[in-house]
Amino acid sequence: MNEIYFEYVVQGAYVKVSAIEPETKTEAVVVLPKGLNEEQMKFQALQKLSYILKKKAEETPQKG
């Protein structure tokens, strides 16, 4: 994970935060309260993205 893109969409009292890893084209989306700061939002989205990437790696058969 060298580069991660973040997208923020405000929807009323909430913010939809997308974390996108362009190399694998994997996206994680979290919906969080608007009161959190940007670092907290990034942290939550990145945690979910890391979880998804880990699960994908476990499901992919190993070559060899």
PDB file of N, CA and C in Angstrom:
ATOM      1  N   MET A   1       0.839  -1.183   0.000  1.00  0.00           N
ATOM      2  CA  MET A   1       0.000   0.000   0.000  1.00  0.00           C
ATOM      3  C   MET A   1       0.879   1.240   0.000  1.00  0.00           C
ATOM      4  N   ASN A   2       1.266   1.649  -1.169  1.00  0.00           N
ATOM      5  CA  ASN A   2       2.101   2.843  -1.266  1.00  0.00           C
ATOM      6  C   ASN A   2       1.283   4.121  -1.318  1.00  0.00           C
ATOM      7  N   GLU A   3       0.144   4.062  -1.988  1.00  0.00           N
ATOM      8  CA  GLU A   3      -0.648   5.259  -2.199  1.00  0.00           C
ATOM      9  C   GLU A   3      -2.113   4.941  -1.919  1.00  0.00           C
ATOM     10  N   ILE A   4      -2.770   5.782  -1.153  1.00  0.00           N
ATOM     11  CA  ILE A   4      -4.180   5.611  -0.834  1.00  0.00           C
ATOM     12  C   ILE A   4      -4.888   6.928  -1.142  1.00  0.00           C
ATOM     13  N   TYR A   5      -6.014   6.838  -1.825  1.00  0.00           N
ATOM     14  CA  TYR A   5      -6.842   8.009  -2.096  1.00  0.00           C
ATOM     15  C   TYR A   5      -8.002   8.016  -1.108  1.00  0.00           C
ATOM     16  N   PHE A   6      -8.347   9.199  -0.617  1.00  0.00           N
ATOM     17  CA  PHE A   6      -9.480   9.355   0.286  1.00  0.00           C
ATOM     18  C   PHE A   6     -10.501  10.288  -0.357  1.00  0.00           C
ATOM     19  N   GLU A   7     -11.769   9.937  -0.179  1.00  0.00           N
ATOM     20  CA  GLU A   7     -12.860  10.761  -0.688  1.00  0.00           C
ATOM     21  C   GLU A   7     -13.847  10.973   0.452  1.00  0.00           C
ATOM     22  N   TYR A   8     -14.310  12.203   0.614  1.00  0.00           N
ATOM     23  CA  TYR A   8     -15.237  12.552   1.693  1.00  0.00           C
ATOM     24  C   TYR A   8     -16.524  13.093   1.086  1.00  0.00           C
ATOM     25  N   VAL A   9     -17.651  12.552   1.511  1.00  0.00           N
ATOM     26  CA  VAL A   9     -18.958  13.046   1.060  1.00  0.00           C
ATOM     27  C   VAL A   9     -19.804  13.304   2.306  1.00  0.00           C
ATOM     28  N   VAL A  10     -20.162  14.561   2.514  1.00  0.00           N
ATOM     29  CA  VAL A  10     -20.978  14.930   3.670  1.00  0.00           C
ATOM     30  C   VAL A  10     -22.437  14.649   3.340  1.00  0.00           C
ATOM     31  N   GLN A  11     -23.089  13.923   4.251  1.00  0.00           N
ATOM     32  CA  GLN A  11     -24.508  13.609   4.094  1.00  0.00           C
ATOM     33  C   GLN A  11     -25.207  13.896   5.425  1.00  0.00           C
ATOM     34  N   GLY A  12     -25.688  15.114   5.578  1.00  0.00           N
ATOM     35  CA  GLY A  12     -26.349  15.515   6.822  1.00  0.00           C
ATOM     36  C   GLY A  12     -25.367  15.528   7.980  1.00  0.00           C
ATOM     37  N   ALA A  13     -25.656  14.725   9.026  1.00  0.00           N
ATOM     38  CA  ALA A  13     -24.814  14.677  10.218  1.00  0.00           C
ATOM     39  C   ALA A  13     -23.675  13.672  10.084  1.00  0.00           C
ATOM     40  N   TYR A  14     -23.540  13.072   8.908  1.00  0.00           N
ATOM     41  CA  TYR A  14     -22.539  12.016   8.702  1.00  0.00           C
ATOM     42  C   TYR A  14     -21.636  12.338   7.520  1.00  0.00           C
ATOM     43  N   VAL A  15     -20.497  11.664   7.490  1.00  0.00           N
ATOM     44  CA  VAL A  15     -19.562  11.780   6.376  1.00  0.00           C
ATOM     45  C   VAL A  15     -19.256  10.372   5.884  1.00  0.00           C
ATOM     46  N   LYS A  16     -19.424  10.165   4.586  1.00  0.00           N
ATOM     47  CA  LYS A  16     -19.049   8.890   3.979  1.00  0.00           C
ATOM     48  C   LYS A  16     -17.601   9.032   3.516  1.00  0.00           C
ATOM     49  N   VAL A  17     -16.725   8.205   4.062  1.00  0.00           N
ATOM     50  CA  VAL A  17     -15.305   8.271   3.743  1.00  0.00           C
ATOM     51  C   VAL A  17     -14.930   7.016   2.967  1.00  0.00           C
ATOM     52  N   SER A  18     -14.363   7.213   1.779  1.00  0.00           N
ATOM     53  CA  SER A  18     -13.895   6.108   0.956  1.00  0.00           C
ATOM     54  C   SER A  18     -12.375   6.127   0.948  1.00  0.00           C
ATOM     55  N   ALA A  19     -11.777   4.957   1.161  1.00  0.00           N
ATOM     56  CA  ALA A  19     -10.323   4.794   1.046  1.00  0.00           C
ATOM     57  C   ALA A  19     -10.099   3.861  -0.134  1.00  0.00           C
ATOM     58  N   ILE A  20      -9.309   4.308  -1.101  1.00  0.00           N
ATOM     59  CA  ILE A  20      -9.117   3.553  -2.338  1.00  0.00           C
ATOM     60  C   ILE A  20      -7.636   3.260  -2.533  1.00  0.00           C
ATOM     61  N   GLU A  21      -7.335   1.980  -2.762  1.00  0.00           N
ATOM     62  CA  GLU A  21      -5.974   1.538  -3.046  1.00  0.00           C
ATOM     63  C   GLU A  21      -5.927   1.266  -4.547  1.00  0.00           C
ATOM     64  N   PRO A  22      -5.289   2.155  -5.329  1.00  0.00           N
ATOM     65  CA  PRO A  22      -5.373   2.066  -6.788  1.00  0.00           C
ATOM     66  C   PRO A  22      -4.687   0.845  -7.408  1.00  0.00           C
ATOM     67  N   GLU A  23      -3.658   0.323  -6.786  1.00  0.00           N
ATOM     68  CA  GLU A  23      -2.926  -0.807  -7.355  1.00  0.00           C
ATOM     69  C   GLU A  23      -3.815  -2.046  -7.469  1.00  0.00           C
ATOM     70  N   THR A  24      -4.598  -2.322  -6.423  1.00  0.00           N
ATOM     71  CA  THR A  24      -5.482  -3.491  -6.430  1.00  0.00           C
ATOM     72  C   THR A  24      -6.926  -3.100  -6.739  1.00  0.00           C
ATOM     73  N   LYS A  25      -7.176  -1.802  -6.898  1.00  0.00           N
ATOM     74  CA  LYS A  25      -8.519  -1.275  -7.156  1.00  0.00           C
ATOM     75  C   LYS A  25      -9.500  -1.708  -6.069  1.00  0.00           C
ATOM     76  N   THR A  26      -9.033  -1.655  -4.838  1.00  0.00           N
ATOM     77  CA  THR A  26      -9.846  -2.029  -3.677  1.00  0.00           C
ATOM     78  C   THR A  26     -10.320  -0.768  -2.982  1.00  0.00           C
ATOM     79  N   GLU A  27     -11.597  -0.780  -2.588  1.00  0.00           N
ATOM     80  CA  GLU A  27     -12.189   0.377  -1.924  1.00  0.00           C
ATOM     81  C   GLU A  27     -12.859  -0.057  -0.630  1.00  0.00           C
ATOM     82  N   ALA A  28     -12.690   0.759   0.398  1.00  0.00           N
ATOM     83  CA  ALA A  28     -13.376   0.554   1.668  1.00  0.00           C
ATOM     84  C   ALA A  28     -14.160   1.828   1.970  1.00  0.00           C
ATOM     85  N   VAL A  29     -15.394   1.658   2.441  1.00  0.00           N
ATOM     86  CA  VAL A  29     -16.243   2.807   2.736  1.00  0.00           C
ATOM     87  C   VAL A  29     -16.722   2.710   4.176  1.00  0.00           C
ATOM     88  N   VAL A  30     -16.609   3.807   4.896  1.00  0.00           N
ATOM     89  CA  VAL A  30     -17.143   3.894   6.257  1.00  0.00           C
ATOM     90  C   VAL A  30     -18.008   5.151   6.346  1.00  0.00           C
ATOM     91  N   VAL A  31     -19.033   5.085   7.175  1.00  0.00           N
ATOM     92  CA  VAL A  31     -19.884   6.245   7.435  1.00  0.00           C
ATOM     93  C   VAL A  31     -19.663   6.630   8.888  1.00  0.00           C
ATOM     94  N   LEU A  32     -19.255   7.880   9.094  1.00  0.00           N
ATOM     95  CA  LEU A  32     -18.846   8.339  10.418  1.00  0.00           C
ATOM     96  C   LEU A  32     -19.556   9.632  10.788  1.00  0.00           C
ATOM     97  N   PRO A  33     -19.619   9.940  12.088  1.00  0.00           N
ATOM     98  CA  PRO A  33     -20.209  11.217  12.500  1.00  0.00           C
ATOM     99  C   PRO A  33     -19.395  12.397  11.976  1.00  0.00           C
ATOM    100  N   LYS A  34     -20.080  13.437  11.619  1.00  0.00           N
ATOM    101  CA  LYS A  34     -19.455  14.634  11.065  1.00  0.00           C
ATOM    102  C   LYS A  34     -18.490  15.296  12.047  1.00  0.00           C
ATOM    103  N   GLY A  35     -18.644  15.059  13.351  1.00  0.00           N
ATOM    104  CA  GLY A  35     -17.836  15.713  14.373  1.00  0.00           C
ATOM    105  C   GLY A  35     -16.399  15.218  14.483  1.00  0.00           C
ATOM    106  N   LEU A  36     -16.073  14.100  13.853  1.00  0.00           N
ATOM    107  CA  LEU A  36     -14.700  13.596  13.919  1.00  0.00           C
ATOM    108  C   LEU A  36     -13.782  14.460  13.063  1.00  0.00           C
ATOM    109  N   ASN A  37     -12.510  14.513  13.441  1.00  0.00           N
ATOM    110  CA  ASN A  37     -11.581  15.280  12.605  1.00  0.00           C
ATOM    111  C   ASN A  37     -11.082  14.397  11.452  1.00  0.00           C
ATOM    112  N   GLU A  38     -10.396  15.008  10.507  1.00  0.00           N
ATOM    113  CA  GLU A  38      -9.966  14.308   9.288  1.00  0.00           C
ATOM    114  C   GLU A  38      -9.048  13.123   9.593  1.00  0.00           C
ATOM    115  N   GLU A  39      -8.149  13.280  10.544  1.00  0.00           N
ATOM    116  CA  GLU A  39      -7.231  12.185  10.891  1.00  0.00           C
ATOM    117  C   GLU A  39      -7.987  10.971  11.433  1.00  0.00           C
ATOM    118  N   GLN A  40      -8.995  11.216  12.271  1.00  0.00           N
ATOM    119  CA  GLN A  40      -9.791  10.121  12.815  1.00  0.00           C
ATOM    120  C   GLN A  40     -10.566   9.407  11.706  1.00  0.00           C
ATOM    121  N   MET A  41     -11.090  10.188  10.767  1.00  0.00           N
ATOM    122  CA  MET A  41     -11.820   9.604   9.640  1.00  0.00           C
ATOM    123  C   MET A  41     -10.901   8.759   8.772  1.00  0.00           C
ATOM    124  N   LYS A  42      -9.710   9.297   8.472  1.00  0.00           N
ATOM    125  CA  LYS A  42      -8.736   8.556   7.666  1.00  0.00           C
ATOM    126  C   LYS A  42      -8.344   7.255   8.359  1.00  0.00           C
ATOM    127  N   PHE A  43      -8.129   7.334   9.657  1.00  0.00           N
ATOM    128  CA  PHE A  43      -7.729   6.155  10.425  1.00  0.00           C
ATOM    129  C   PHE A  43      -8.782   5.057  10.312  1.00  0.00           C
ATOM    130  N   GLN A  44     -10.051   5.405  10.493  1.00  0.00           N
ATOM    131  CA  GLN A  44     -11.126   4.410  10.430  1.00  0.00           C
ATOM    132  C   GLN A  44     -11.218   3.788   9.037  1.00  0.00           C
ATOM    133  N   ALA A  45     -11.155   4.618   8.004  1.00  0.00           N
ATOM    134  CA  ALA A  45     -11.243   4.115   6.630  1.00  0.00           C
ATOM    135  C   ALA A  45     -10.038   3.241   6.290  1.00  0.00           C
ATOM    136  N   LEU A  46      -8.863   3.649   6.747  1.00  0.00           N
ATOM    137  CA  LEU A  46      -7.649   2.879   6.476  1.00  0.00           C
ATOM    138  C   LEU A  46      -7.657   1.536   7.202  1.00  0.00           C
ATOM    139  N   GLN A  47      -8.199   1.503   8.412  1.00  0.00           N
ATOM    140  CA  GLN A  47      -8.323   0.243   9.153  1.00  0.00           C
ATOM    141  C   GLN A  47      -9.201  -0.743   8.384  1.00  0.00           C
ATOM    142  N   LYS A  48     -10.321  -0.244   7.859  1.00  0.00           N
ATOM    143  CA  LYS A  48     -11.222  -1.114   7.110  1.00  0.00           C
ATOM    144  C   LYS A  48     -10.567  -1.570   5.814  1.00  0.00           C
ATOM    145  N   LEU A  49      -9.870  -0.677   5.122  1.00  0.00           N
ATOM    146  CA  LEU A  49      -9.186  -1.040   3.892  1.00  0.00           C
ATOM    147  C   LEU A  49      -8.124  -2.110   4.160  1.00  0.00           C
ATOM    148  N   SER A  50      -7.368  -1.956   5.223  1.00  0.00           N
ATOM    149  CA  SER A  50      -6.347  -2.950   5.586  1.00  0.00           C
ATOM    150  C   SER A  50      -6.989  -4.305   5.849  1.00  0.00           C
ATOM    151  N   TYR A  51      -8.129  -4.315   6.531  1.00  0.00           N
ATOM    152  CA  TYR A  51      -8.849  -5.553   6.813  1.00  0.00           C
ATOM    153  C   TYR A  51      -9.291  -6.229   5.509  1.00  0.00           C
ATOM    154  N   ILE A  52      -9.840  -5.446   4.593  1.00  0.00           N
ATOM    155  CA  ILE A  52     -10.308  -5.997   3.319  1.00  0.00           C
ATOM    156  C   ILE A  52      -9.143  -6.561   2.513  1.00  0.00           C
ATOM    157  N   LEU A  53      -8.036  -5.842   2.462  1.00  0.00           N
ATOM    158  CA  LEU A  53      -6.865  -6.318   1.713  1.00  0.00           C
ATOM    159  C   LEU A  53      -6.304  -7.601   2.326  1.00  0.00           C
ATOM    160  N   LYS A  54      -6.304  -7.679   3.651  1.00  0.00           N
ATOM    161  CA  LYS A  54      -5.828  -8.885   4.335  1.00  0.00           C
ATOM    162  C   LYS A  54      -6.718 -10.073   3.993  1.00  0.00           C
ATOM    163  N   LYS A  55      -8.037  -9.863   4.018  1.00  0.00           N
ATOM    164  CA  LYS A  55      -8.980 -10.937   3.693  1.00  0.00           C
ATOM    165  C   LYS A  55      -8.804 -11.391   2.245  1.00  0.00           C
ATOM    166  N   LYS A  56      -8.593 -10.449   1.342  1.00  0.00           N
ATOM    167  CA  LYS A  56      -8.373 -10.790  -0.070  1.00  0.00           C
ATOM    168  C   LYS A  56      -7.108 -11.637  -0.231  1.00  0.00           C
ATOM    169  N   ALA A  57      -6.054 -11.267   0.507  1.00  0.00           N
ATOM    170  CA  ALA A  57      -4.791 -12.002   0.421  1.00  0.00           C
ATOM    171  C   ALA A  57      -4.950 -13.419   0.953  1.00  0.00           C
ATOM    172  N   GLU A  58      -5.749 -13.594   1.989  1.00  0.00           N
ATOM    173  CA  GLU A  58      -5.984 -14.929   2.557  1.00  0.00           C
ATOM    174  C   GLU A  58      -6.797 -15.810   1.612  1.00  0.00           C
ATOM    175  N   GLU A  59      -7.684 -15.201   0.840  1.00  0.00           N
ATOM    176  CA  GLU A  59      -8.534 -15.950  -0.081  1.00  0.00           C
ATOM    177  C   GLU A  59      -7.820 -16.314  -1.373  1.00  0.00           C
ATOM    178  N   THR A  60      -6.784 -15.569  -1.721  1.00  0.00           N
ATOM    179  CA  THR A  60      -6.064 -15.819  -2.957  1.00  0.00           C
ATOM    180  C   THR A  60      -5.141 -17.026  -2.781  1.00  0.00           C
ATOM    181  N   PRO A  61      -5.267 -18.038  -3.644  1.00  0.00           N
ATOM    182  CA  PRO A  61      -4.383 -19.198  -3.535  1.00  0.00           C
ATOM    183  C   PRO A  61      -2.919 -18.812  -3.780  1.00  0.00           C
ATOM    184  N   GLN A  62      -2.042 -19.380  -2.973  1.00  0.00           N
ATOM    185  CA  GLN A  62      -0.619 -19.106  -3.090  1.00  0.00           C
ATOM    186  C   GLN A  62      -0.028 -19.914  -4.236  1.00  0.00           C
ATOM    187  N   LYS A  63       0.853 -19.287  -5.033  1.00  0.00           N
ATOM    188  CA  LYS A  63       1.527 -19.987  -6.134  1.00  0.00           C
ATOM    189  C   LYS A  63       2.727 -20.743  -5.568  1.00  0.00           C
ATOM    190  N   GLY A  64       3.000 -21.907  -6.144  1.00  0.00           N
ATOM    191  CA  GLY A  64       4.195 -22.603  -5.709  1.00  0.00           C
ATOM    192  C   GLY A  64       3.937 -23.978  -5.477  1.00  0.00           C
TER     193      GLY A  64
END
